Each structure stands twice: as structure tokens, then as C-alpha cells.
PDB file of N, CA and C in Angstrom:
ATOM      1  N   MET A   1      23.217 -32.682 -46.602  1.00  0.00           N
ATOM      2  CA  MET A   1      22.754 -32.880 -45.245  1.00  0.00           C
ATOM      3  C   MET A   1      23.964 -32.846 -44.314  1.00  0.00           C
ATOM      4  N   GLU A   2      23.779 -32.227 -43.171  1.00  0.00           N
ATOM      5  CA  GLU A   2      24.847 -32.088 -42.195  1.00  0.00           C
ATOM      6  C   GLU A   2      24.583 -33.006 -41.003  1.00  0.00           C
ATOM      7  N   ALA A   3      25.621 -33.677 -40.533  1.00  0.00           N
ATOM      8  CA  ALA A   3      25.488 -34.580 -39.389  1.00  0.00           C
ATOM      9  C   ALA A   3      25.416 -33.776 -38.104  1.00  0.00           C
ATOM     10  N   THR A   4      24.657 -34.287 -37.153  1.00  0.00           N
ATOM     11  CA  THR A   4      24.577 -33.697 -35.830  1.00  0.00           C
ATOM     12  C   THR A   4      25.129 -34.710 -34.838  1.00  0.00           C
ATOM     13  N   ILE A   5      26.068 -34.272 -34.031  1.00  0.00           N
ATOM     14  CA  ILE A   5      26.656 -35.150 -33.032  1.00  0.00           C
ATOM     15  C   ILE A   5      25.993 -34.853 -31.696  1.00  0.00           C
ATOM     16  N   LEU A   6      25.474 -35.897 -31.078  1.00  0.00           N
ATOM     17  CA  LEU A   6      24.779 -35.741 -29.806  1.00  0.00           C
ATOM     18  C   LEU A   6      25.510 -36.505 -28.715  1.00  0.00           C
ATOM     19  N   GLY A   7      25.507 -35.975 -27.539  1.00  0.00           N
ATOM     20  CA  GLY A   7      26.101 -36.670 -26.404  1.00  0.00           C
ATOM     21  C   GLY A   7      25.615 -36.084 -25.106  1.00  0.00           C
ATOM     22  N   LYS A   8      25.592 -36.914 -24.086  1.00  0.00           N
ATOM     23  CA  LYS A   8      25.207 -36.443 -22.764  1.00  0.00           C
ATOM     24  C   LYS A   8      26.335 -35.573 -22.230  1.00  0.00           C
ATOM     25  N   PRO A   9      26.057 -34.531 -21.553  1.00  0.00           N
ATOM     26  CA  PRO A   9      24.781 -34.067 -21.015  1.00  0.00           C
ATOM     27  C   PRO A   9      24.124 -32.956 -21.825  1.00  0.00           C
ATOM     28  N   SER A  10      24.386 -32.873 -23.105  1.00  0.00           N
ATOM     29  CA  SER A  10      23.828 -31.760 -23.887  1.00  0.00           C
ATOM     30  C   SER A  10      22.302 -31.844 -23.973  1.00  0.00           C
ATOM     31  N   PRO A  11      21.642 -30.693 -23.929  1.00  0.00           N
ATOM     32  CA  PRO A  11      20.185 -30.681 -24.077  1.00  0.00           C
ATOM     33  C   PRO A  11      19.729 -31.316 -25.392  1.00  0.00           C
ATOM     34  N   ALA A  12      20.532 -31.183 -26.447  1.00  0.00           N
ATOM     35  CA  ALA A  12      20.164 -31.777 -27.741  1.00  0.00           C
ATOM     36  C   ALA A  12      20.044 -33.296 -27.640  1.00  0.00           C
ATOM     37  N   TYR A  13      20.868 -33.914 -26.816  1.00  0.00           N
ATOM     38  CA  TYR A  13      20.811 -35.364 -26.616  1.00  0.00           C
ATOM     39  C   TYR A  13      19.466 -35.760 -26.014  1.00  0.00           C
ATOM     40  N   PHE A  14      19.096 -35.076 -24.939  1.00  0.00           N
ATOM     41  CA  PHE A  14      17.835 -35.401 -24.262  1.00  0.00           C
ATOM     42  C   PHE A  14      16.633 -35.045 -25.122  1.00  0.00           C
ATOM     43  N   GLU A  15      16.727 -33.952 -25.852  1.00  0.00           N
ATOM     44  CA  GLU A  15      15.654 -33.561 -26.764  1.00  0.00           C
ATOM     45  C   GLU A  15      15.458 -34.618 -27.843  1.00  0.00           C
ATOM     46  N   ALA A  16      16.540 -35.132 -28.401  1.00  0.00           N
ATOM     47  CA  ALA A  16      16.447 -36.164 -29.437  1.00  0.00           C
ATOM     48  C   ALA A  16      15.864 -37.461 -28.878  1.00  0.00           C
ATOM     49  N   ALA A  17      16.287 -37.822 -27.668  1.00  0.00           N
ATOM     50  CA  ALA A  17      15.757 -39.040 -27.047  1.00  0.00           C
ATOM     51  C   ALA A  17      14.257 -38.924 -26.804  1.00  0.00           C
ATOM     52  N   LEU A  18      13.832 -37.780 -26.278  1.00  0.00           N
ATOM     53  CA  LEU A  18      12.402 -37.578 -26.017  1.00  0.00           C
ATOM     54  C   LEU A  18      11.599 -37.569 -27.316  1.00  0.00           C
ATOM     55  N   ALA A  19      12.158 -36.964 -28.353  1.00  0.00           N
ATOM     56  CA  ALA A  19      11.471 -36.940 -29.647  1.00  0.00           C
ATOM     57  C   ALA A  19      11.332 -38.353 -30.195  1.00  0.00           C
ATOM     58  N   ALA A  20      12.391 -39.160 -30.070  1.00  0.00           N
ATOM     59  CA  ALA A  20      12.345 -40.545 -30.566  1.00  0.00           C
ATOM     60  C   ALA A  20      11.313 -41.375 -29.812  1.00  0.00           C
ATOM     61  N   LEU A  21      11.133 -41.069 -28.534  1.00  0.00           N
ATOM     62  CA  LEU A  21      10.171 -41.791 -27.699  1.00  0.00           C
ATOM     63  C   LEU A  21       8.782 -41.168 -27.718  1.00  0.00           C
ATOM     64  N   ASP A  22       8.674 -39.978 -28.313  1.00  0.00           N
ATOM     65  CA  ASP A  22       7.434 -39.205 -28.282  1.00  0.00           C
ATOM     66  C   ASP A  22       6.962 -39.041 -26.837  1.00  0.00           C
ATOM     67  N   ALA A  23       7.909 -38.590 -25.979  1.00  0.00           N
ATOM     68  CA  ALA A  23       7.657 -38.509 -24.544  1.00  0.00           C
ATOM     69  C   ALA A  23       7.797 -37.074 -24.040  1.00  0.00           C
ATOM     70  N   GLU A  24       7.117 -36.793 -22.942  1.00  0.00           N
ATOM     71  CA  GLU A  24       7.200 -35.502 -22.271  1.00  0.00           C
ATOM     72  C   GLU A  24       8.270 -35.589 -21.183  1.00  0.00           C
ATOM     73  N   PRO A  25       9.108 -34.570 -21.025  1.00  0.00           N
ATOM     74  CA  PRO A  25      10.185 -34.625 -20.032  1.00  0.00           C
ATOM     75  C   PRO A  25       9.708 -34.938 -18.614  1.00  0.00           C
ATOM     76  N   GLU A  26       8.655 -34.290 -18.173  1.00  0.00           N
ATOM     77  CA  GLU A  26       8.202 -34.472 -16.788  1.00  0.00           C
ATOM     78  C   GLU A  26       7.604 -35.851 -16.525  1.00  0.00           C
ATOM     79  N   LEU A  27       7.329 -36.607 -17.579  1.00  0.00           N
ATOM     80  CA  LEU A  27       6.786 -37.963 -17.439  1.00  0.00           C
ATOM     81  C   LEU A  27       7.825 -39.027 -17.768  1.00  0.00           C
ATOM     82  N   THR A  28       9.074 -38.606 -17.929  1.00  0.00           N
ATOM     83  CA  THR A  28      10.130 -39.505 -18.378  1.00  0.00           C
ATOM     84  C   THR A  28      11.218 -39.623 -17.315  1.00  0.00           C
ATOM     85  N   TRP A  29      11.715 -40.838 -17.142  1.00  0.00           N
ATOM     86  CA  TRP A  29      12.765 -41.114 -16.172  1.00  0.00           C
ATOM     87  C   TRP A  29      14.072 -41.414 -16.901  1.00  0.00           C
ATOM     88  N   MET A  30      15.144 -40.832 -16.415  1.00  0.00           N
ATOM     89  CA  MET A  30      16.492 -41.149 -16.884  1.00  0.00           C
ATOM     90  C   MET A  30      17.140 -41.986 -15.799  1.00  0.00           C
ATOM     91  N   VAL A  31      17.607 -43.165 -16.159  1.00  0.00           N
ATOM     92  CA  VAL A  31      18.300 -44.040 -15.223  1.00  0.00           C
ATOM     93  C   VAL A  31      19.745 -44.111 -15.684  1.00  0.00           C
ATOM     94  N   GLY A  32      20.658 -43.788 -14.799  1.00  0.00           N
ATOM     95  CA  GLY A  32      22.058 -43.806 -15.191  1.00  0.00           C
ATOM     96  C   GLY A  32      22.988 -43.989 -14.016  1.00  0.00           C
ATOM     97  N   ASP A  33      24.280 -44.151 -14.341  1.00  0.00           N
ATOM     98  CA  ASP A  33      25.300 -44.371 -13.322  1.00  0.00           C
ATOM     99  C   ASP A  33      26.268 -43.195 -13.191  1.00  0.00           C
ATOM    100  N   ASP A  34      25.961 -42.089 -13.877  1.00  0.00           N
ATOM    101  CA  ASP A  34      26.848 -40.934 -13.881  1.00  0.00           C
ATOM    102  C   ASP A  34      26.075 -39.699 -13.412  1.00  0.00           C
ATOM    103  N   LEU A  35      26.492 -39.134 -12.283  1.00  0.00           N
ATOM    104  CA  LEU A  35      25.771 -37.987 -11.718  1.00  0.00           C
ATOM    105  C   LEU A  35      25.754 -36.789 -12.650  1.00  0.00           C
ATOM    106  N   GLU A  36      26.846 -36.494 -13.324  1.00  0.00           N
ATOM    107  CA  GLU A  36      26.896 -35.304 -14.177  1.00  0.00           C
ATOM    108  C   GLU A  36      26.232 -35.530 -15.525  1.00  0.00           C
ATOM    109  N   ALA A  37      26.688 -36.525 -16.257  1.00  0.00           N
ATOM    110  CA  ALA A  37      26.180 -36.730 -17.616  1.00  0.00           C
ATOM    111  C   ALA A  37      24.739 -37.234 -17.630  1.00  0.00           C
ATOM    112  N   ASP A  38      24.423 -38.158 -16.749  1.00  0.00           N
ATOM    113  CA  ASP A  38      23.082 -38.757 -16.760  1.00  0.00           C
ATOM    114  C   ASP A  38      22.086 -37.949 -15.921  1.00  0.00           C
ATOM    115  N   VAL A  39      22.365 -37.845 -14.641  1.00  0.00           N
ATOM    116  CA  VAL A  39      21.402 -37.240 -13.717  1.00  0.00           C
ATOM    117  C   VAL A  39      21.295 -35.728 -13.904  1.00  0.00           C
ATOM    118  N   GLU A  40      22.408 -35.022 -13.801  1.00  0.00           N
ATOM    119  CA  GLU A  40      22.352 -33.564 -13.925  1.00  0.00           C
ATOM    120  C   GLU A  40      21.881 -33.137 -15.309  1.00  0.00           C
ATOM    121  N   GLY A  41      22.372 -33.810 -16.346  1.00  0.00           N
ATOM    122  CA  GLY A  41      21.942 -33.477 -17.703  1.00  0.00           C
ATOM    123  C   GLY A  41      20.453 -33.665 -17.890  1.00  0.00           C
ATOM    124  N   ALA A  42      19.923 -34.771 -17.389  1.00  0.00           N
ATOM    125  CA  ALA A  42      18.491 -35.046 -17.502  1.00  0.00           C
ATOM    126  C   ALA A  42      17.664 -34.054 -16.696  1.00  0.00           C
ATOM    127  N   GLN A  43      18.122 -33.724 -15.502  1.00  0.00           N
ATOM    128  CA  GLN A  43      17.384 -32.777 -14.670  1.00  0.00           C
ATOM    129  C   GLN A  43      17.326 -31.397 -15.315  1.00  0.00           C
ATOM    130  N   ARG A  44      18.384 -30.987 -15.959  1.00  0.00           N
ATOM    131  CA  ARG A  44      18.377 -29.691 -16.644  1.00  0.00           C
ATOM    132  C   ARG A  44      17.339 -29.641 -17.758  1.00  0.00           C
ATOM    133  N   PHE A  45      17.006 -30.806 -18.283  1.00  0.00           N
ATOM    134  CA  PHE A  45      16.021 -30.876 -19.357  1.00  0.00           C
ATOM    135  C   PHE A  45      14.626 -31.217 -18.836  1.00  0.00           C
ATOM    136  N   GLY A  46      14.478 -31.360 -17.515  1.00  0.00           N
ATOM    137  CA  GLY A  46      13.160 -31.576 -16.915  1.00  0.00           C
ATOM    138  C   GLY A  46      12.760 -33.009 -16.678  1.00  0.00           C
ATOM    139  N   LEU A  47      13.694 -33.956 -16.869  1.00  0.00           N
ATOM    140  CA  LEU A  47      13.385 -35.361 -16.628  1.00  0.00           C
ATOM    141  C   LEU A  47      13.552 -35.694 -15.156  1.00  0.00           C
ATOM    142  N   ARG A  48      12.902 -36.749 -14.728  1.00  0.00           N
ATOM    143  CA  ARG A  48      13.087 -37.279 -13.388  1.00  0.00           C
ATOM    144  C   ARG A  48      14.248 -38.269 -13.469  1.00  0.00           C
ATOM    145  N   THR A  49      14.938 -38.491 -12.347  1.00  0.00           N
ATOM    146  CA  THR A  49      16.191 -39.248 -12.425  1.00  0.00           C
ATOM    147  C   THR A  49      16.350 -40.311 -11.344  1.00  0.00           C
ATOM    148  N   VAL A  50      17.025 -41.384 -11.748  1.00  0.00           N
ATOM    149  CA  VAL A  50      17.418 -42.453 -10.834  1.00  0.00           C
ATOM    150  C   VAL A  50      18.900 -42.724 -11.079  1.00  0.00           C
ATOM    151  N   LEU A  51      19.675 -42.693 -10.012  1.00  0.00           N
ATOM    152  CA  LEU A  51      21.090 -43.029 -10.073  1.00  0.00           C
ATOM    153  C   LEU A  51      21.247 -44.462  -9.607  1.00  0.00           C
ATOM    154  N   VAL A  52      21.935 -45.279 -10.386  1.00  0.00           N
ATOM    155  CA  VAL A  52      22.196 -46.662  -9.985  1.00  0.00           C
ATOM    156  C   VAL A  52      23.648 -46.790  -9.535  1.00  0.00           C
ATOM    157  N   ARG A  53      23.848 -47.604  -8.518  1.00  0.00           N
ATOM    158  CA  ARG A  53      25.177 -47.804  -7.929  1.00  0.00           C
ATOM    159  C   ARG A  53      25.946 -48.897  -8.673  1.00  0.00           C
ATOM    160  N   THR A  54      26.022 -48.768  -9.972  1.00  0.00           N
ATOM    161  CA  THR A  54      26.739 -49.733 -10.797  1.00  0.00           C
ATOM    162  C   THR A  54      27.595 -48.960 -11.800  1.00  0.00           C
ATOM    163  N   GLY A  55      28.375 -49.656 -12.590  1.00  0.00           N
ATOM    164  CA  GLY A  55      29.146 -49.004 -13.650  1.00  0.00           C
ATOM    165  C   GLY A  55      30.085 -47.936 -13.141  1.00  0.00           C
ATOM    166  N   LYS A  56      29.891 -46.698 -13.599  1.00  0.00           N
ATOM    167  CA  LYS A  56      30.758 -45.571 -13.275  1.00  0.00           C
ATOM    168  C   LYS A  56      30.536 -45.007 -11.865  1.00  0.00           C
ATOM    169  N   PHE A  57      29.456 -45.385 -11.218  1.00  0.00           N
ATOM    170  CA  PHE A  57      29.110 -44.832  -9.911  1.00  0.00           C
ATOM    171  C   PHE A  57      30.237 -45.026  -8.904  1.00  0.00           C
ATOM    172  N   ARG A  58      30.496 -43.971  -8.123  1.00  0.00           N
ATOM    173  CA  ARG A  58      31.429 -44.024  -7.004  1.00  0.00           C
ATOM    174  C   ARG A  58      30.743 -43.349  -5.815  1.00  0.00           C
ATOM    175  N   PRO A  59      30.737 -44.015  -4.643  1.00  0.00           N
ATOM    176  CA  PRO A  59      30.032 -43.470  -3.471  1.00  0.00           C
ATOM    177  C   PRO A  59      30.420 -42.039  -3.124  1.00  0.00           C
ATOM    178  N   GLU A  60      31.684 -41.695  -3.272  1.00  0.00           N
ATOM    179  CA  GLU A  60      32.126 -40.349  -2.905  1.00  0.00           C
ATOM    180  C   GLU A  60      31.487 -39.266  -3.777  1.00  0.00           C
ATOM    181  N   GLN A  61      30.994 -39.640  -4.949  1.00  0.00           N
ATOM    182  CA  GLN A  61      30.308 -38.671  -5.807  1.00  0.00           C
ATOM    183  C   GLN A  61      29.113 -38.051  -5.089  1.00  0.00           C
ATOM    184  N   LEU A  62      28.349 -38.868  -4.413  1.00  0.00           N
ATOM    185  CA  LEU A  62      27.154 -38.373  -3.722  1.00  0.00           C
ATOM    186  C   LEU A  62      27.504 -37.453  -2.563  1.00  0.00           C
ATOM    187  N   GLU A  63      28.675 -37.659  -1.977  1.00  0.00           N
ATOM    188  CA  GLU A  63      29.088 -36.853  -0.829  1.00  0.00           C
ATOM    189  C   GLU A  63      29.518 -35.444  -1.227  1.00  0.00           C
ATOM    190  N   ARG A  64      30.011 -35.260  -2.474  1.00  0.00           N
ATOM    191  CA  ARG A  64      30.550 -33.953  -2.841  1.00  0.00           C
ATOM    192  C   ARG A  64      29.785 -33.260  -3.960  1.00  0.00           C
ATOM    193  N   THR A  65      28.528 -33.570  -4.110  1.00  0.00           N
ATOM    194  CA  THR A  65      27.760 -32.959  -5.190  1.00  0.00           C
ATOM    195  C   THR A  65      26.520 -32.251  -4.663  1.00  0.00           C
ATOM    196  N   THR A  66      26.028 -31.332  -5.452  1.00  0.00           N
ATOM    197  CA  THR A  66      24.749 -30.691  -5.128  1.00  0.00           C
ATOM    198  C   THR A  66      23.629 -31.298  -5.970  1.00  0.00           C
ATOM    199  N   VAL A  67      23.988 -32.223  -6.861  1.00  0.00           N
ATOM    200  CA  VAL A  67      23.006 -32.899  -7.711  1.00  0.00           C
ATOM    201  C   VAL A  67      22.307 -33.967  -6.876  1.00  0.00           C
ATOM    202  N   VAL A  68      20.989 -33.898  -6.845  1.00  0.00           N
ATOM    203  CA  VAL A  68      20.218 -34.850  -6.039  1.00  0.00           C
ATOM    204  C   VAL A  68      19.253 -35.608  -6.947  1.00  0.00           C
ATOM    205  N   PRO A  69      19.542 -36.882  -7.217  1.00  0.00           N
ATOM    206  CA  PRO A  69      18.614 -37.668  -8.024  1.00  0.00           C
ATOM    207  C   PRO A  69      17.312 -37.928  -7.260  1.00  0.00           C
ATOM    208  N   ASP A  70      16.269 -38.247  -7.993  1.00  0.00           N
ATOM    209  CA  ASP A  70      15.001 -38.574  -7.337  1.00  0.00           C
ATOM    210  C   ASP A  70      15.114 -39.852  -6.521  1.00  0.00           C
ATOM    211  N   ALA A  71      16.010 -40.739  -6.940  1.00  0.00           N
ATOM    212  CA  ALA A  71      16.245 -41.989  -6.210  1.00  0.00           C
ATOM    213  C   ALA A  71      17.646 -42.482  -6.504  1.00  0.00           C
ATOM    214  N   VAL A  72      18.174 -43.265  -5.557  1.00  0.00           N
ATOM    215  CA  VAL A  72      19.455 -43.958  -5.733  1.00  0.00           C
ATOM    216  C   VAL A  72      19.170 -45.425  -5.451  1.00  0.00           C
ATOM    217  N   LEU A  73      19.442 -46.277  -6.432  1.00  0.00           N
ATOM    218  CA  LEU A  73      19.183 -47.712  -6.298  1.00  0.00           C
ATOM    219  C   LEU A  73      20.472 -48.492  -6.470  1.00  0.00           C
ATOM    220  N   SER A  74      20.568 -49.630  -5.832  1.00  0.00           N
ATOM    221  CA  SER A  74      21.756 -50.476  -5.947  1.00  0.00           C
ATOM    222  C   SER A  74      21.919 -51.041  -7.347  1.00  0.00           C
ATOM    223  N   SER A  75      20.806 -51.277  -8.020  1.00  0.00           N
ATOM    224  CA  SER A  75      20.840 -51.886  -9.352  1.00  0.00           C
ATOM    225  C   SER A  75      19.576 -51.512 -10.114  1.00  0.00           C
ATOM    226  N   ILE A  76      19.676 -51.499 -11.415  1.00  0.00           N
ATOM    227  CA  ILE A  76      18.495 -51.240 -12.245  1.00  0.00           C
ATOM    228  C   ILE A  76      17.460 -52.347 -12.057  1.00  0.00           C
ATOM    229  N   ALA A  77      17.895 -53.490 -11.564  1.00  0.00           N
ATOM    230  CA  ALA A  77      16.965 -54.599 -11.311  1.00  0.00           C
ATOM    231  C   ALA A  77      15.896 -54.211 -10.293  1.00  0.00           C
ATOM    232  N   TYR A  78      16.198 -53.240  -9.426  1.00  0.00           N
ATOM    233  CA  TYR A  78      15.243 -52.801  -8.410  1.00  0.00           C
ATOM    234  C   TYR A  78      14.288 -51.725  -8.910  1.00  0.00           C
ATOM    235  N   LEU A  79      14.501 -51.231 -10.109  1.00  0.00           N
ATOM    236  CA  LEU A  79      13.691 -50.127 -10.627  1.00  0.00           C
ATOM    237  C   LEU A  79      12.199 -50.437 -10.708  1.00  0.00           C
ATOM    238  N   PRO A  80      11.777 -51.557 -11.299  1.00  0.00           N
ATOM    239  CA  PRO A  80      10.323 -51.807 -11.388  1.00  0.00           C
ATOM    240  C   PRO A  80       9.633 -51.802 -10.024  1.00  0.00           C
ATOM    241  N   GLU A  81      10.235 -52.446  -9.038  1.00  0.00           N
ATOM    242  CA  GLU A  81       9.640 -52.494  -7.690  1.00  0.00           C
ATOM    243  C   GLU A  81       9.618 -51.092  -7.074  1.00  0.00           C
ATOM    244  N   TRP A  82      10.718 -50.340  -7.239  1.00  0.00           N
ATOM    245  CA  TRP A  82      10.774 -48.997  -6.672  1.00  0.00           C
ATOM    246  C   TRP A  82       9.713 -48.096  -7.321  1.00  0.00           C
ATOM    247  N   LEU A  83       9.584 -48.150  -8.635  1.00  0.00           N
ATOM    248  CA  LEU A  83       8.584 -47.329  -9.330  1.00  0.00           C
ATOM    249  C   LEU A  83       7.174 -47.660  -8.865  1.00  0.00           C
ATOM    250  N   GLU A  84       6.918 -48.949  -8.668  1.00  0.00           N
ATOM    251  CA  GLU A  84       5.587 -49.367  -8.232  1.00  0.00           C
ATOM    252  C   GLU A  84       5.265 -48.792  -6.844  1.00  0.00           C
ATOM    253  N   ARG A  85       6.249 -48.764  -5.967  1.00  0.00           N
ATOM    254  CA  ARG A  85       6.038 -48.206  -4.621  1.00  0.00           C
ATOM    255  C   ARG A  85       6.004 -46.686  -4.624  1.00  0.00           C
ATOM    256  N   ALA A  86       6.846 -46.074  -5.468  1.00  0.00           N
ATOM    257  CA  ALA A  86       7.009 -44.620  -5.443  1.00  0.00           C
ATOM    258  C   ALA A  86       5.918 -43.869  -6.174  1.00  0.00           C
ATOM    259  N   LEU A  87       5.308 -44.472  -7.148  1.00  0.00           N
ATOM    260  CA  LEU A  87       4.334 -43.745  -7.955  1.00  0.00           C
ATOM    261  C   LEU A  87       2.926 -44.067  -7.569  1.00  0.00           C
TER     262      LEU A  87
END
């Protein structure tokens, strides 16, 4: 048996995550603090995205990118309330 190494933003990473969750990309949200690895990688695979302003996030990232998350939240703590209003 051969090992497979997975990492964001590779499509194999998102494919494996969706398979483990038995989820459809268009019905799945990726929440992350990295515009390239989390948001852009997930969007390329068809997931919806939320960028949180914690961890690796830097405000200047949003100013110089063409990647547009579905939402930007100050903290993952706000996600349940935001989802309830947005959906």
C-alpha cells in the first residue's frame, strides 16, 4: 500500500474531506483564516467559504487579492448566527 499525502489547497485534500463527511461541495462550507489555502482552495473545489479574522489572517490580504469569500467574520464564534441569517 502506498501513502497519499494531502494538504491544502490541493483538490485531493478537499475531495478526501468531502468523502469523509459524505458531503456535496455546493452544500459544504469551508471556514478558515488563510485566503489562499483555505478559501481559494475550497472555492476551486466548489465549496462555499467563510474567512475568519483570526490566526493567519492579515487585513492587507483582502486588499490585494481577487479571492472573494462568501463571508468575512471576526471570529468563528459568529458563524452560527451568520449562517442562520444568511441561509
